PDB file of N, CA and C in Angstrom:
ATOM      1  N   MET A   1     -10.421   8.061   9.315  1.00  0.00           N
ATOM      2  CA  MET A   1      -9.678   8.949   8.496  1.00  0.00           C
ATOM      3  C   MET A   1     -10.601   9.747   7.447  1.00  0.00           C
ATOM      4  N   ASP A   2     -10.180  11.204   7.051  1.00  0.00           N
ATOM      5  CA  ASP A   2     -11.013  11.639   5.733  1.00  0.00           C
ATOM      6  C   ASP A   2     -10.189  12.098   4.807  1.00  0.00           C
ATOM      7  N   LEU A   3     -10.686  12.689   3.932  1.00  0.00           N
ATOM      8  CA  LEU A   3     -10.095  13.600   2.501  1.00  0.00           C
ATOM      9  C   LEU A   3      -8.653  14.215   2.919  1.00  0.00           C
ATOM     10  N   ASN A   4      -9.027  14.965   3.798  1.00  0.00           N
ATOM     11  CA  ASN A   4      -8.284  16.396   4.429  1.00  0.00           C
ATOM     12  C   ASN A   4      -6.553  15.620   5.061  1.00  0.00           C
ATOM     13  N   ALA A   5      -7.078  14.401   5.677  1.00  0.00           N
ATOM     14  CA  ALA A   5      -5.925  13.640   6.357  1.00  0.00           C
ATOM     15  C   ALA A   5      -4.690  13.695   5.832  1.00  0.00           C
ATOM     16  N   THR A   6      -3.276  13.941   6.577  1.00  0.00           N
ATOM     17  CA  THR A   6      -2.196  13.510   5.695  1.00  0.00           C
ATOM     18  C   THR A   6      -1.871  12.882   6.293  1.00  0.00           C
ATOM     19  N   PRO A   7      -1.566  11.137   6.018  1.00  0.00           N
ATOM     20  CA  PRO A   7      -1.149  10.113   6.753  1.00  0.00           C
ATOM     21  C   PRO A   7       0.072  10.224   6.216  1.00  0.00           C
ATOM     22  N   ARG A   8       0.950   9.163   7.059  1.00  0.00           N
ATOM     23  CA  ARG A   8       2.293   9.131   6.825  1.00  0.00           C
ATOM     24  C   ARG A   8       2.570   7.613   7.438  1.00  0.00           C
ATOM     25  N   LEU A   9       3.601   6.856   7.183  1.00  0.00           N
ATOM     26  CA  LEU A   9       3.850   5.375   7.854  1.00  0.00           C
ATOM     27  C   LEU A   9       4.262   5.956   9.402  1.00  0.00           C
ATOM     28  N   ALA A  10       3.733   4.690   9.941  1.00  0.00           N
ATOM     29  CA  ALA A  10       4.694   5.095  10.990  1.00  0.00           C
ATOM     30  C   ALA A  10       6.312   4.835  12.006  1.00  0.00           C
ATOM     31  N   ALA A  11       6.652   5.431  12.637  1.00  0.00           N
ATOM     32  CA  ALA A  11       8.001   5.024  12.924  1.00  0.00           C
ATOM     33  C   ALA A  11       8.388   3.384  12.515  1.00  0.00           C
ATOM     34  N   GLY A  12       9.264   3.112  12.352  1.00  0.00           N
ATOM     35  CA  GLY A  12      10.017   1.901  12.081  1.00  0.00           C
ATOM     36  C   GLY A  12       8.989   1.167  10.878  1.00  0.00           C
ATOM     37  N   CYS A  13       8.387   1.673  10.032  1.00  0.00           N
ATOM     38  CA  CYS A  13       7.635   1.080   8.792  1.00  0.00           C
ATOM     39  C   CYS A  13       8.311   1.474   7.750  1.00  0.00           C
ATOM     40  N   ARG A  14       8.084   0.687   6.916  1.00  0.00           N
ATOM     41  CA  ARG A  14       8.754   1.074   5.754  1.00  0.00           C
ATOM     42  C   ARG A  14       8.603   0.103   4.256  1.00  0.00           C
ATOM     43  N   LEU A  15       8.362   0.072   2.969  1.00  0.00           N
ATOM     44  CA  LEU A  15       7.785  -0.304   2.021  1.00  0.00           C
ATOM     45  C   LEU A  15       9.201  -1.271   1.925  1.00  0.00           C
ATOM     46  N   HIS A  16       8.960  -2.197   1.409  1.00  0.00           N
ATOM     47  CA  HIS A  16      10.230  -2.941   0.889  1.00  0.00           C
ATOM     48  C   HIS A  16      10.977  -2.703  -0.432  1.00  0.00           C
ATOM     49  N   PRO A  17      11.646  -2.662  -0.758  1.00  0.00           N
ATOM     50  CA  PRO A  17      12.473  -1.371  -2.318  1.00  0.00           C
ATOM     51  C   PRO A  17      11.952  -2.409  -3.517  1.00  0.00           C
ATOM     52  N   THR A  18      11.304  -3.421  -3.527  1.00  0.00           N
ATOM     53  CA  THR A  18      11.001  -3.932  -4.660  1.00  0.00           C
ATOM     54  C   THR A  18       9.986  -5.432  -4.595  1.00  0.00           C
ATOM     55  N   GLU A  19       9.730  -5.435  -3.369  1.00  0.00           N
ATOM     56  CA  GLU A  19       8.670  -6.417  -3.492  1.00  0.00           C
ATOM     57  C   GLU A  19       7.223  -5.673  -2.711  1.00  0.00           C
ATOM     58  N   ALA A  20       5.909  -6.477  -2.653  1.00  0.00           N
ATOM     59  CA  ALA A  20       5.029  -5.965  -1.996  1.00  0.00           C
ATOM     60  C   ALA A  20       4.585  -6.252  -0.548  1.00  0.00           C
ATOM     61  N   VAL A  21       5.682  -5.841  -0.313  1.00  0.00           N
ATOM     62  CA  VAL A  21       5.672  -6.456   1.458  1.00  0.00           C
ATOM     63  C   VAL A  21       5.947  -4.649   2.285  1.00  0.00           C
ATOM     64  N   MET A  22       5.266  -5.045   3.043  1.00  0.00           N
ATOM     65  CA  MET A  22       5.623  -3.473   4.073  1.00  0.00           C
ATOM     66  C   MET A  22       6.807  -4.677   5.652  1.00  0.00           C
ATOM     67  N   LEU A  23       7.168  -3.695   5.941  1.00  0.00           N
ATOM     68  CA  LEU A  23       8.329  -4.073   6.736  1.00  0.00           C
ATOM     69  C   LEU A  23       8.248  -3.402   7.691  1.00  0.00           C
ATOM     70  N   ILE A  24       7.706  -4.215   9.165  1.00  0.00           N
ATOM     71  CA  ILE A  24       7.208  -3.525  10.478  1.00  0.00           C
ATOM     72  C   ILE A  24       7.741  -3.918  11.532  1.00  0.00           C
ATOM     73  N   PRO A  25       8.210  -3.795  12.429  1.00  0.00           N
ATOM     74  CA  PRO A  25       8.585  -3.875  13.883  1.00  0.00           C
ATOM     75  C   PRO A  25       9.063  -5.392  14.357  1.00  0.00           C
ATOM     76  N   GLU A  26       7.429  -5.826  13.906  1.00  0.00           N
ATOM     77  CA  GLU A  26       7.159  -7.121  14.582  1.00  0.00           C
ATOM     78  C   GLU A  26       7.324  -8.264  13.331  1.00  0.00           C
ATOM     79  N   GLY A  27       7.362  -7.649  12.251  1.00  0.00           N
ATOM     80  CA  GLY A  27       7.737  -8.656  10.533  1.00  0.00           C
ATOM     81  C   GLY A  27       7.543  -7.855   9.679  1.00  0.00           C
ATOM     82  N   THR A  28       6.835  -8.585   8.767  1.00  0.00           N
ATOM     83  CA  THR A  28       6.348  -8.104   7.547  1.00  0.00           C
ATOM     84  C   THR A  28       4.954  -7.898   7.340  1.00  0.00           C
ATOM     85  N   LEU A  29       4.557  -7.465   6.358  1.00  0.00           N
ATOM     86  CA  LEU A  29       2.973  -7.835   6.161  1.00  0.00           C
ATOM     87  C   LEU A  29       2.612  -7.608   4.489  1.00  0.00           C
ATOM     88  N   LYS A  30       2.447  -9.077   4.042  1.00  0.00           N
ATOM     89  CA  LYS A  30       2.185  -9.013   2.704  1.00  0.00           C
ATOM     90  C   LYS A  30       1.073  -7.966   1.678  1.00  0.00           C
ATOM     91  N   LEU A  31       1.203  -7.121   1.079  1.00  0.00           N
ATOM     92  CA  LEU A  31       0.347  -6.597   0.605  1.00  0.00           C
ATOM     93  C   LEU A  31       0.247  -7.210  -0.640  1.00  0.00           C
ATOM     94  N   GLN A  32      -1.458  -6.619  -1.092  1.00  0.00           N
ATOM     95  CA  GLN A  32      -2.111  -6.974  -2.178  1.00  0.00           C
ATOM     96  C   GLN A  32      -2.617  -5.887  -3.264  1.00  0.00           C
ATOM     97  N   GLY A  33      -2.899  -6.440  -4.234  1.00  0.00           N
ATOM     98  CA  GLY A  33      -3.932  -5.335  -5.196  1.00  0.00           C
ATOM     99  C   GLY A  33      -2.882  -4.298  -5.401  1.00  0.00           C
ATOM    100  N   PRO A  34      -3.403  -3.094  -4.923  1.00  0.00           N
ATOM    101  CA  PRO A  34      -2.978  -1.865  -5.353  1.00  0.00           C
ATOM    102  C   PRO A  34      -2.350  -0.887  -3.870  1.00  0.00           C
ATOM    103  N   ALA A  35      -2.717  -1.354  -2.546  1.00  0.00           N
ATOM    104  CA  ALA A  35      -1.941  -1.634  -1.608  1.00  0.00           C
ATOM    105  C   ALA A  35      -0.365  -0.831  -1.590  1.00  0.00           C
ATOM    106  N   ARG A  36       0.283  -1.706  -2.213  1.00  0.00           N
ATOM    107  CA  ARG A  36       1.923  -0.733  -2.451  1.00  0.00           C
ATOM    108  C   ARG A  36       1.818   0.845  -3.014  1.00  0.00           C
ATOM    109  N   ASP A  37       0.911   0.495  -4.056  1.00  0.00           N
ATOM    110  CA  ASP A  37       0.705   1.957  -4.554  1.00  0.00           C
ATOM    111  C   ASP A  37       0.206   3.050  -3.736  1.00  0.00           C
ATOM    112  N   ILE A  38      -0.624   2.888  -2.729  1.00  0.00           N
ATOM    113  CA  ILE A  38      -1.547   3.395  -1.987  1.00  0.00           C
ATOM    114  C   ILE A  38      -0.472   4.320  -0.874  1.00  0.00           C
ATOM    115  N   LEU A  39       0.652   2.440  -0.345  1.00  0.00           N
ATOM    116  CA  LEU A  39       1.407   2.994   0.712  1.00  0.00           C
ATOM    117  C   LEU A  39       2.511   4.180   0.194  1.00  0.00           C
ATOM    118  N   ALA A  40       3.124   3.523  -0.454  1.00  0.00           N
ATOM    119  CA  ALA A  40       4.013   4.552  -1.382  1.00  0.00           C
ATOM    120  C   ALA A  40       4.298   6.056  -1.605  1.00  0.00           C
ATOM    121  N   HIS A  41       2.767   6.246  -1.348  1.00  0.00           N
ATOM    122  CA  HIS A  41       2.234   7.710  -1.522  1.00  0.00           C
ATOM    123  C   HIS A  41       2.361   8.534   0.131  1.00  0.00           C
ATOM    124  N   LEU A  42       2.389   8.077   1.154  1.00  0.00           N
ATOM    125  CA  LEU A  42       2.428   8.207   2.436  1.00  0.00           C
ATOM    126  C   LEU A  42       3.516   8.605   2.719  1.00  0.00           C
ATOM    127  N   ASP A  43       3.368  10.466   2.566  1.00  0.00           N
ATOM    128  CA  ASP A  43       4.495  11.048   3.081  1.00  0.00           C
ATOM    129  C   ASP A  43       4.346  12.042   4.552  1.00  0.00           C
ATOM    130  N   GLY A  44       3.337  12.058   4.479  1.00  0.00           N
ATOM    131  CA  GLY A  44       2.886  13.319   5.638  1.00  0.00           C
ATOM    132  C   GLY A  44       2.240  14.652   5.325  1.00  0.00           C
ATOM    133  N   LYS A  45       2.531  14.892   3.817  1.00  0.00           N
ATOM    134  CA  LYS A  45       2.750  16.227   3.610  1.00  0.00           C
ATOM    135  C   LYS A  45       1.480  16.102   2.176  1.00  0.00           C
ATOM    136  N   HIS A  46       1.193  14.898   1.661  1.00  0.00           N
ATOM    137  CA  HIS A  46      -0.119  15.050   1.227  1.00  0.00           C
ATOM    138  C   HIS A  46      -1.208  14.440   1.674  1.00  0.00           C
ATOM    139  N   SER A  47      -2.468  15.054   1.402  1.00  0.00           N
ATOM    140  CA  SER A  47      -3.391  14.423   1.801  1.00  0.00           C
ATOM    141  C   SER A  47      -4.276  13.572   1.205  1.00  0.00           C
ATOM    142  N   VAL A  48      -5.052  12.387   1.908  1.00  0.00           N
ATOM    143  CA  VAL A  48      -6.036  11.518   1.245  1.00  0.00           C
ATOM    144  C   VAL A  48      -6.154  12.235  -0.307  1.00  0.00           C
ATOM    145  N   ALA A  49      -7.062  13.165  -0.167  1.00  0.00           N
ATOM    146  CA  ALA A  49      -7.037  13.364  -1.459  1.00  0.00           C
ATOM    147  C   ALA A  49      -6.171  13.972  -2.700  1.00  0.00           C
ATOM    148  N   ALA A  50      -5.500  14.112  -2.362  1.00  0.00           N
ATOM    149  CA  ALA A  50      -4.010  14.401  -3.119  1.00  0.00           C
ATOM    150  C   ALA A  50      -3.687  13.024  -3.704  1.00  0.00           C
ATOM    151  N   ILE A  51      -3.811  11.744  -2.478  1.00  0.00           N
ATOM    152  CA  ILE A  51      -2.827  10.998  -3.160  1.00  0.00           C
ATOM    153  C   ILE A  51      -4.172   9.991  -4.225  1.00  0.00           C
ATOM    154  N   VAL A  52      -5.375  10.244  -3.576  1.00  0.00           N
ATOM    155  CA  VAL A  52      -6.391   9.684  -4.770  1.00  0.00           C
ATOM    156  C   VAL A  52      -6.271  10.179  -6.107  1.00  0.00           C
ATOM    157  N   ASP A  53      -5.885  11.772  -6.219  1.00  0.00           N
ATOM    158  CA  ASP A  53      -5.796  11.991  -7.614  1.00  0.00           C
ATOM    159  C   ASP A  53      -4.498  11.791  -7.998  1.00  0.00           C
ATOM    160  N   GLU A  54      -3.382  11.249  -7.342  1.00  0.00           N
ATOM    161  CA  GLU A  54      -2.473  11.176  -8.308  1.00  0.00           C
ATOM    162  C   GLU A  54      -2.379   9.300  -8.539  1.00  0.00           C
ATOM    163  N   LEU A  55      -3.517   8.299  -8.113  1.00  0.00           N
ATOM    164  CA  LEU A  55      -3.871   7.197  -8.216  1.00  0.00           C
ATOM    165  C   LEU A  55      -4.638   7.280  -9.212  1.00  0.00           C
ATOM    166  N   LEU A  56      -5.251   8.450  -9.536  1.00  0.00           N
ATOM    167  CA  LEU A  56      -6.463   8.201 -10.720  1.00  0.00           C
ATOM    168  C   LEU A  56      -5.447   8.896 -12.376  1.00  0.00           C
ATOM    169  N   LYS A  57      -4.188   9.000 -11.889  1.00  0.00           N
ATOM    170  CA  LYS A  57      -3.342   9.001 -12.956  1.00  0.00           C
ATOM    171  C   LYS A  57      -2.957   7.761 -13.268  1.00  0.00           C
ATOM    172  N   GLN A  58      -2.727   7.215 -12.224  1.00  0.00           N
ATOM    173  CA  GLN A  58      -1.837   5.728 -12.626  1.00  0.00           C
ATOM    174  C   GLN A  58      -2.694   4.638 -13.241  1.00  0.00           C
ATOM    175  N   TYR A  59      -3.845   4.896 -12.869  1.00  0.00           N
ATOM    176  CA  TYR A  59      -4.870   3.839 -13.023  1.00  0.00           C
ATOM    177  C   TYR A  59      -6.240   3.936 -13.639  1.00  0.00           C
ATOM    178  N   GLU A  60      -5.640   4.684 -15.035  1.00  0.00           N
ATOM    179  CA  GLU A  60      -7.063   5.153 -15.924  1.00  0.00           C
ATOM    180  C   GLU A  60      -7.853   4.301 -16.186  1.00  0.00           C
ATOM    181  N   GLY A  61      -9.454   4.952 -15.905  1.00  0.00           N
ATOM    182  CA  GLY A  61     -10.493   4.520 -16.571  1.00  0.00           C
ATOM    183  C   GLY A  61     -11.088   3.887 -14.851  1.00  0.00           C
ATOM    184  N   VAL A  62     -10.499   3.773 -14.375  1.00  0.00           N
ATOM    185  CA  VAL A  62     -10.996   3.530 -12.420  1.00  0.00           C
ATOM    186  C   VAL A  62     -11.709   5.115 -12.081  1.00  0.00           C
ATOM    187  N   ASP A  63     -13.013   4.379 -11.428  1.00  0.00           N
ATOM    188  CA  ASP A  63     -13.996   5.442 -11.089  1.00  0.00           C
ATOM    189  C   ASP A  63     -13.675   5.964  -9.716  1.00  0.00           C
ATOM    190  N   ARG A  64     -13.601   7.316  -9.912  1.00  0.00           N
ATOM    191  CA  ARG A  64     -12.564   8.117  -8.413  1.00  0.00           C
ATOM    192  C   ARG A  64     -13.521   7.671  -7.017  1.00  0.00           C
ATOM    193  N   ASP A  65     -14.878   7.063  -7.256  1.00  0.00           N
ATOM    194  CA  ASP A  65     -15.510   6.630  -5.735  1.00  0.00           C
ATOM    195  C   ASP A  65     -14.818   5.183  -5.481  1.00  0.00           C
ATOM    196  N   ASP A  66     -14.296   4.612  -6.497  1.00  0.00           N
ATOM    197  CA  ASP A  66     -14.192   3.161  -6.505  1.00  0.00           C
ATOM    198  C   ASP A  66     -12.340   3.485  -5.696  1.00  0.00           C
ATOM    199  N   ILE A  67     -11.857   4.359  -6.278  1.00  0.00           N
ATOM    200  CA  ILE A  67     -10.757   4.348  -5.686  1.00  0.00           C
ATOM    201  C   ILE A  67     -10.230   4.641  -4.325  1.00  0.00           C
ATOM    202  N   GLN A  68     -11.513   5.725  -4.013  1.00  0.00           N
ATOM    203  CA  GLN A  68     -11.131   6.528  -2.781  1.00  0.00           C
ATOM    204  C   GLN A  68     -11.587   6.012  -1.595  1.00  0.00           C
ATOM    205  N   GLN A  69     -12.784   4.867  -2.193  1.00  0.00           N
ATOM    206  CA  GLN A  69     -13.023   4.037  -1.034  1.00  0.00           C
ATOM    207  C   GLN A  69     -11.944   3.389  -0.767  1.00  0.00           C
ATOM    208  N   ASP A  70     -11.548   2.167  -1.612  1.00  0.00           N
ATOM    209  CA  ASP A  70     -10.435   1.377  -1.521  1.00  0.00           C
ATOM    210  C   ASP A  70      -9.401   2.312  -0.607  1.00  0.00           C
ATOM    211  N   VAL A  71      -8.883   3.433  -0.657  1.00  0.00           N
ATOM    212  CA  VAL A  71      -7.893   3.960  -0.108  1.00  0.00           C
ATOM    213  C   VAL A  71      -8.042   4.325   1.003  1.00  0.00           C
ATOM    214  N   LEU A  72      -9.177   4.725   1.502  1.00  0.00           N
ATOM    215  CA  LEU A  72      -9.939   5.187   3.021  1.00  0.00           C
ATOM    216  C   LEU A  72      -9.320   4.099   3.348  1.00  0.00           C
ATOM    217  N   SER A  73     -10.352   3.176   2.918  1.00  0.00           N
ATOM    218  CA  SER A  73     -10.635   1.473   3.465  1.00  0.00           C
ATOM    219  C   SER A  73      -9.056   1.011   4.134  1.00  0.00           C
ATOM    220  N   LEU A  74      -7.948   1.118   2.798  1.00  0.00           N
ATOM    221  CA  LEU A  74      -6.968   0.620   3.334  1.00  0.00           C
ATOM    222  C   LEU A  74      -6.146   1.365   4.436  1.00  0.00           C
ATOM    223  N   LEU A  75      -6.362   2.685   4.264  1.00  0.00           N
ATOM    224  CA  LEU A  75      -5.720   3.602   5.271  1.00  0.00           C
ATOM    225  C   LEU A  75      -6.575   3.376   6.955  1.00  0.00           C
ATOM    226  N   ASP A  76      -7.828   3.238   6.707  1.00  0.00           N
ATOM    227  CA  ASP A  76      -8.264   2.843   8.012  1.00  0.00           C
ATOM    228  C   ASP A  76      -7.789   1.599   8.709  1.00  0.00           C
ATOM    229  N   ARG A  77      -7.709   0.607   7.973  1.00  0.00           N
ATOM    230  CA  ARG A  77      -7.343  -0.747   8.756  1.00  0.00           C
ATOM    231  C   ARG A  77      -5.816  -0.572   8.939  1.00  0.00           C
ATOM    232  N   MET A  78      -4.848   0.108   8.516  1.00  0.00           N
ATOM    233  CA  MET A  78      -3.333   0.071   8.488  1.00  0.00           C
ATOM    234  C   MET A  78      -3.223   0.926   9.862  1.00  0.00           C
ATOM    235  N   GLU A  79      -3.832   2.153   9.849  1.00  0.00           N
ATOM    236  CA  GLU A  79      -4.379   2.775  10.613  1.00  0.00           C
ATOM    237  C   GLU A  79      -4.446   1.827  12.348  1.00  0.00           C
ATOM    238  N   GLN A  80      -5.538   1.024  12.660  1.00  0.00           N
ATOM    239  CA  GLN A  80      -5.801   0.066  13.624  1.00  0.00           C
ATOM    240  C   GLN A  80      -4.712  -0.936  13.753  1.00  0.00           C
ATOM    241  N   ARG A  81      -3.815  -1.122  12.569  1.00  0.00           N
ATOM    242  CA  ARG A  81      -2.909  -1.825  12.824  1.00  0.00           C
ATOM    243  C   ARG A  81      -1.176  -1.205  13.255  1.00  0.00           C
ATOM    244  N   GLY A  82      -1.353   0.176  13.416  1.00  0.00           N
ATOM    245  CA  GLY A  82      -0.257   0.763  14.007  1.00  0.00           C
ATOM    246  C   GLY A  82       0.625   1.220  12.945  1.00  0.00           C
ATOM    247  N   VAL A  83       0.728   1.106  11.612  1.00  0.00           N
ATOM    248  CA  VAL A  83       1.169   0.989  10.595  1.00  0.00           C
ATOM    249  C   VAL A  83       1.032   2.604   9.935  1.00  0.00           C
ATOM    250  N   VAL A  84      -0.158   3.099   9.795  1.00  0.00           N
ATOM    251  CA  VAL A  84      -0.344   4.626   9.462  1.00  0.00           C
ATOM    252  C   VAL A  84      -0.472   5.075  10.496  1.00  0.00           C
ATOM    253  N   ARG A  85      -0.044   6.451  10.563  1.00  0.00           N
ATOM    254  CA  ARG A  85      -0.276   7.474  11.376  1.00  0.00           C
ATOM    255  C   ARG A  85      -0.879   9.066  10.901  1.00  0.00           C
ATOM    256  N   VAL A  86      -1.881  10.127  11.649  1.00  0.00           N
ATOM    257  CA  VAL A  86      -1.986  10.922  10.782  1.00  0.00           C
ATOM    258  C   VAL A  86      -1.401  12.303  11.524  1.00  0.00           C
TER     259      VAL A  86
END
């Protein structure tokens, strides 16, 4: 996945409204760190670069390269599990 991709959650996958959990057809995935915040931005309309920009506003003082690497890493893992689509 690259910065121009516009990821979205796969069909049947959604975030729990109050907990750091992703509901998937096979059960649940426990989310750690900023994973919930990252996945909450996936709507199929915003690019990865735009999501990074939004997260930079949310997490003031964090290095852009660090956030970008975290976002790309998480999205790649979630895409391999079938939770995220491009």
